Amino acid sequence: MRRNRPLDDPSRCQRCRLPVGLCMCAVLRSWPVRTRVLVLLHRVERYRTTNTGRIATLALAGSELREWNLLDAVNDLRGLQGPGVYLLYPGDGAQVLEPHLDVRTLVVPDATWRRTRRMVNRSGDLARLPRVCLPAGAPSTFRLRTNRNPQSVCTLEALARALGLLEGPEVEAHLEQALELFTRRVLSTRPVNP
């Protein structure tokens, strides 16, 4: 069984969680956006070097990362109910995201697809939020995890596409560059297959 690294592991940056020699913090610019972004990081994801939700919040000014645990009071999202608050997640009743929508806050569950489905289904606060989903687009370029569905994208890609629709191509390009840099740095820690 693989042991999780402690969160205060001195060999890893405490912000981006990459090995200290590959830290992105000095080169990752925090882009100003009008849309408030709240990423709900599943507790299992906090140790994963392949997690992109953390990088997304570092790349977006004013965004927030909350660790998700159904047993924890931090999951109280009742204050998010109201006009302009949407859950970025596909499924029944999800409206395709369009530039004219009055989106003030995007709530984004961040974990594997199976875990995010559980997060949404088990939380009344999340289930009550109106949903938006991305329009059909190019297949994911994320190379750190595999997914059977070519329309599935990682959290950082989803936010890039969503904010690209809502705020313009500049923020989308910024987040795509952050994803590419993150991917290259994580891949550099892996052994090369012969």
Protein backbone atom coordinates (compact mmCIF):
# COMPACT_ATOMS: atom_id res chain seq x y z
CA MET A 1 0.00 0.00 0.00
CA ARG A 2 1.36 3.41 -0.99
CA ARG A 3 1.93 5.83 1.85
CA ASN A 4 0.74 9.40 1.40
CA ARG A 5 3.33 12.10 1.88
CA PRO A 6 2.59 14.46 4.75
CA LEU A 7 1.32 17.88 3.71
CA ASP A 8 4.35 19.53 5.31
CA ASP A 9 6.84 17.38 3.35
CA PRO A 10 9.94 19.63 2.98
CA SER A 11 10.78 18.08 -0.40
CA ARG A 12 7.60 19.61 -1.87
CA CYS A 13 6.48 23.20 -2.33
CA GLN A 14 3.69 23.94 0.13
CA ARG A 15 1.69 25.90 -2.49
CA CYS A 16 1.89 23.98 -5.77
CA ARG A 17 2.85 20.63 -4.14
CA LEU A 18 5.49 19.91 -6.80
CA PRO A 19 9.02 18.86 -5.80
CA VAL A 20 10.91 21.96 -4.66
CA GLY A 21 13.24 21.93 -7.70
CA LEU A 22 10.21 21.96 -10.04
CA CYS A 23 8.07 24.51 -8.15
CA MET A 24 5.85 26.61 -10.44
CA CYS A 25 5.10 29.41 -7.99
CA ALA A 26 7.76 31.82 -9.26
CA VAL A 27 6.60 31.56 -12.89
CA LEU A 28 2.85 31.14 -12.41
CA ARG A 29 1.10 34.48 -12.79
CA SER A 30 -2.22 34.96 -11.01
CA TRP A 31 -4.68 36.10 -13.69
CA PRO A 32 -7.44 38.54 -12.65
CA VAL A 33 -10.97 37.32 -13.46
CA ARG A 34 -14.46 38.68 -12.75
CA THR A 35 -15.90 35.22 -12.07
CA ARG A 36 -15.36 33.89 -8.57
CA VAL A 37 -14.00 30.34 -8.73
CA LEU A 38 -14.40 27.90 -5.84
CA VAL A 39 -12.61 24.56 -6.31
CA LEU A 40 -13.71 21.79 -3.95
CA LEU A 41 -10.68 19.52 -3.64
CA HIS A 42 -11.55 15.98 -2.57
CA ARG A 43 -9.42 15.11 0.47
CA VAL A 44 -7.73 12.24 -1.41
CA GLU A 45 -6.49 14.67 -4.07
CA ARG A 46 -4.43 16.81 -1.68
CA TYR A 47 -1.48 14.40 -1.97
CA ARG A 48 -1.64 13.74 -5.70
CA THR A 49 0.97 15.36 -7.90
CA THR A 50 -1.43 15.01 -10.85
CA ASN A 51 -4.08 17.25 -9.28
CA THR A 52 -4.82 20.32 -11.41
CA GLY A 53 -7.41 22.07 -9.22
CA ARG A 54 -4.71 23.44 -6.94
CA ILE A 55 -2.79 24.83 -9.94
CA ALA A 56 -5.99 26.42 -11.27
CA THR A 57 -6.53 28.35 -8.05
CA LEU A 58 -2.91 29.50 -8.04
CA ALA A 59 -3.33 30.75 -11.63
CA LEU A 60 -6.59 32.65 -10.97
CA ALA A 61 -6.69 35.74 -8.76
CA GLY A 62 -9.45 35.66 -6.16
CA SER A 63 -10.14 31.95 -6.54
CA GLU A 64 -10.52 29.67 -3.55
CA LEU A 65 -9.54 26.07 -2.85
CA ARG A 66 -11.45 24.19 -0.16
CA GLU A 67 -10.70 20.66 0.87
CA TRP A 68 -13.80 18.47 0.59
CA ASN A 69 -14.76 15.96 3.24
CA LEU A 70 -18.40 15.06 3.76
CA LEU A 71 -17.85 14.80 7.52
CA ASP A 72 -16.31 18.26 7.81
CA ALA A 73 -18.10 21.57 8.44
CA VAL A 74 -16.01 23.21 5.70
CA ASN A 75 -18.48 21.73 3.23
CA ASP A 76 -21.26 24.06 4.33
CA LEU A 77 -22.09 25.75 1.02
CA ARG A 78 -25.43 27.29 1.89
CA GLY A 79 -23.93 30.77 1.59
CA LEU A 80 -23.35 30.09 -2.09
CA GLN A 81 -27.02 29.76 -2.92
CA GLY A 82 -28.24 32.69 -4.97
CA PRO A 83 -28.28 34.28 -8.39
CA GLY A 84 -25.24 33.72 -10.55
CA VAL A 85 -23.88 30.71 -8.62
CA TYR A 86 -23.42 27.61 -10.78
CA LEU A 87 -21.95 24.15 -10.39
CA LEU A 88 -19.62 23.38 -13.31
CA TYR A 89 -20.47 19.72 -13.74
CA PRO A 90 -22.20 17.73 -16.50
CA GLY A 91 -25.29 15.66 -15.91
CA ASP A 92 -29.06 15.77 -15.74
CA GLY A 93 -30.40 19.28 -16.04
CA ALA A 94 -27.03 20.86 -16.85
CA GLN A 95 -27.31 23.88 -19.12
CA VAL A 96 -24.59 24.31 -21.74
CA LEU A 97 -22.39 27.19 -20.69
CA GLU A 98 -22.75 30.22 -22.95
CA PRO A 99 -21.12 33.68 -22.82
CA HIS A 100 -24.41 35.48 -22.14
CA LEU A 101 -25.13 33.60 -18.88
CA ASP A 102 -24.85 35.71 -15.73
CA VAL A 103 -22.26 33.53 -14.00
CA ARG A 104 -20.79 35.21 -10.93
CA THR A 105 -19.46 32.12 -9.15
CA LEU A 106 -18.38 28.75 -10.52
CA VAL A 107 -18.21 25.89 -8.03
CA VAL A 108 -16.01 23.08 -9.35
CA PRO A 109 -15.65 19.64 -7.72
CA ASP A 110 -12.09 18.38 -8.13
CA ALA A 111 -11.32 14.65 -8.05
CA THR A 112 -11.72 11.63 -10.28
CA TRP A 113 -15.03 11.41 -12.13
CA ARG A 114 -16.26 8.70 -9.76
CA ARG A 115 -15.43 10.75 -6.68
CA THR A 116 -16.89 13.99 -8.04
CA ARG A 117 -20.13 12.16 -8.86
CA ARG A 118 -20.29 11.04 -5.22
CA MET A 119 -19.52 14.54 -3.99
CA VAL A 120 -22.38 16.01 -6.02
CA ASN A 121 -24.85 13.23 -5.23
CA ARG A 122 -24.16 13.17 -1.48
CA SER A 123 -24.20 16.90 -0.84
CA GLY A 124 -27.58 18.57 -0.78
CA ASP A 125 -25.89 21.98 -1.10
CA LEU A 126 -24.12 20.95 -4.31
CA ALA A 127 -27.11 19.08 -5.71
CA ARG A 128 -29.27 22.21 -5.31
CA LEU A 129 -26.96 24.43 -7.34
CA PRO A 130 -27.95 24.96 -10.98
CA ARG A 131 -25.53 23.12 -13.25
CA VAL A 132 -23.64 24.24 -16.29
CA CYS A 133 -21.54 22.04 -18.54
CA LEU A 134 -19.06 22.75 -21.27
CA PRO A 135 -20.12 22.60 -24.90
CA ALA A 136 -18.61 19.77 -26.92
CA GLY A 137 -15.02 20.58 -27.71
CA ALA A 138 -11.62 19.19 -28.56
CA PRO A 139 -10.44 16.09 -26.72
CA SER A 140 -8.46 16.59 -23.54
CA THR A 141 -4.73 17.23 -23.81
CA PHE A 142 -4.15 16.14 -20.20
CA ARG A 143 -1.49 13.41 -20.20
CA LEU A 144 -1.02 12.69 -16.49
CA ARG A 145 -4.12 10.53 -16.00
CA THR A 146 -6.11 8.41 -18.40
CA ASN A 147 -9.83 8.64 -19.03
CA ARG A 148 -12.02 6.47 -21.22
CA ASN A 149 -14.29 9.32 -22.28
CA PRO A 150 -12.59 11.61 -24.83
CA GLN A 151 -14.96 14.45 -23.87
CA SER A 152 -13.80 14.37 -20.24
CA VAL A 153 -11.30 17.06 -19.29
CA CYS A 154 -9.30 17.74 -16.14
CA THR A 155 -10.29 20.51 -13.72
CA LEU A 156 -7.78 23.01 -15.09
CA GLU A 157 -8.90 22.37 -18.68
CA ALA A 158 -12.57 22.70 -17.67
CA LEU A 159 -11.89 26.05 -16.00
CA ALA A 160 -9.83 27.24 -18.99
CA ARG A 161 -12.68 26.45 -21.37
CA ALA A 162 -15.38 27.83 -19.08
CA LEU A 163 -13.59 31.10 -18.36
CA GLY A 164 -12.62 31.36 -22.03
CA LEU A 165 -16.34 31.43 -22.84
CA LEU A 166 -17.23 33.82 -20.02
CA GLU A 167 -14.24 36.18 -20.05
CA GLY A 168 -12.32 35.72 -23.28
CA PRO A 169 -9.53 33.78 -24.94
CA GLU A 170 -6.70 35.44 -22.96
CA VAL A 171 -7.61 33.74 -19.68
CA GLU A 172 -8.14 30.44 -21.52
CA ALA A 173 -4.67 30.68 -23.07
CA HIS A 174 -3.17 31.56 -19.67
CA LEU A 175 -4.66 28.48 -18.04
CA GLU A 176 -3.70 26.23 -20.95
CA GLN A 177 -0.09 27.43 -20.64
CA ALA A 178 -0.19 26.72 -16.90
CA LEU A 179 -1.48 23.20 -17.63
CA GLU A 180 1.25 22.56 -20.21
CA LEU A 181 3.99 23.76 -17.83
CA PHE A 182 2.55 21.71 -14.96
CA THR A 183 2.30 18.61 -17.16
CA ARG A 184 5.90 18.93 -18.38
CA ARG A 185 7.21 19.33 -14.84
CA VAL A 186 5.27 16.36 -13.46
CA LEU A 187 6.28 14.15 -16.41
CA SER A 188 9.93 15.06 -15.82
CA THR A 189 9.71 13.29 -12.42
CA ARG A 190 8.61 10.02 -14.01
CA PRO A 191 10.94 7.38 -15.34
CA VAL A 192 11.16 7.25 -19.13
CA ASN A 193 9.82 4.02 -20.61
CA PRO A 194 12.39 2.19 -22.78
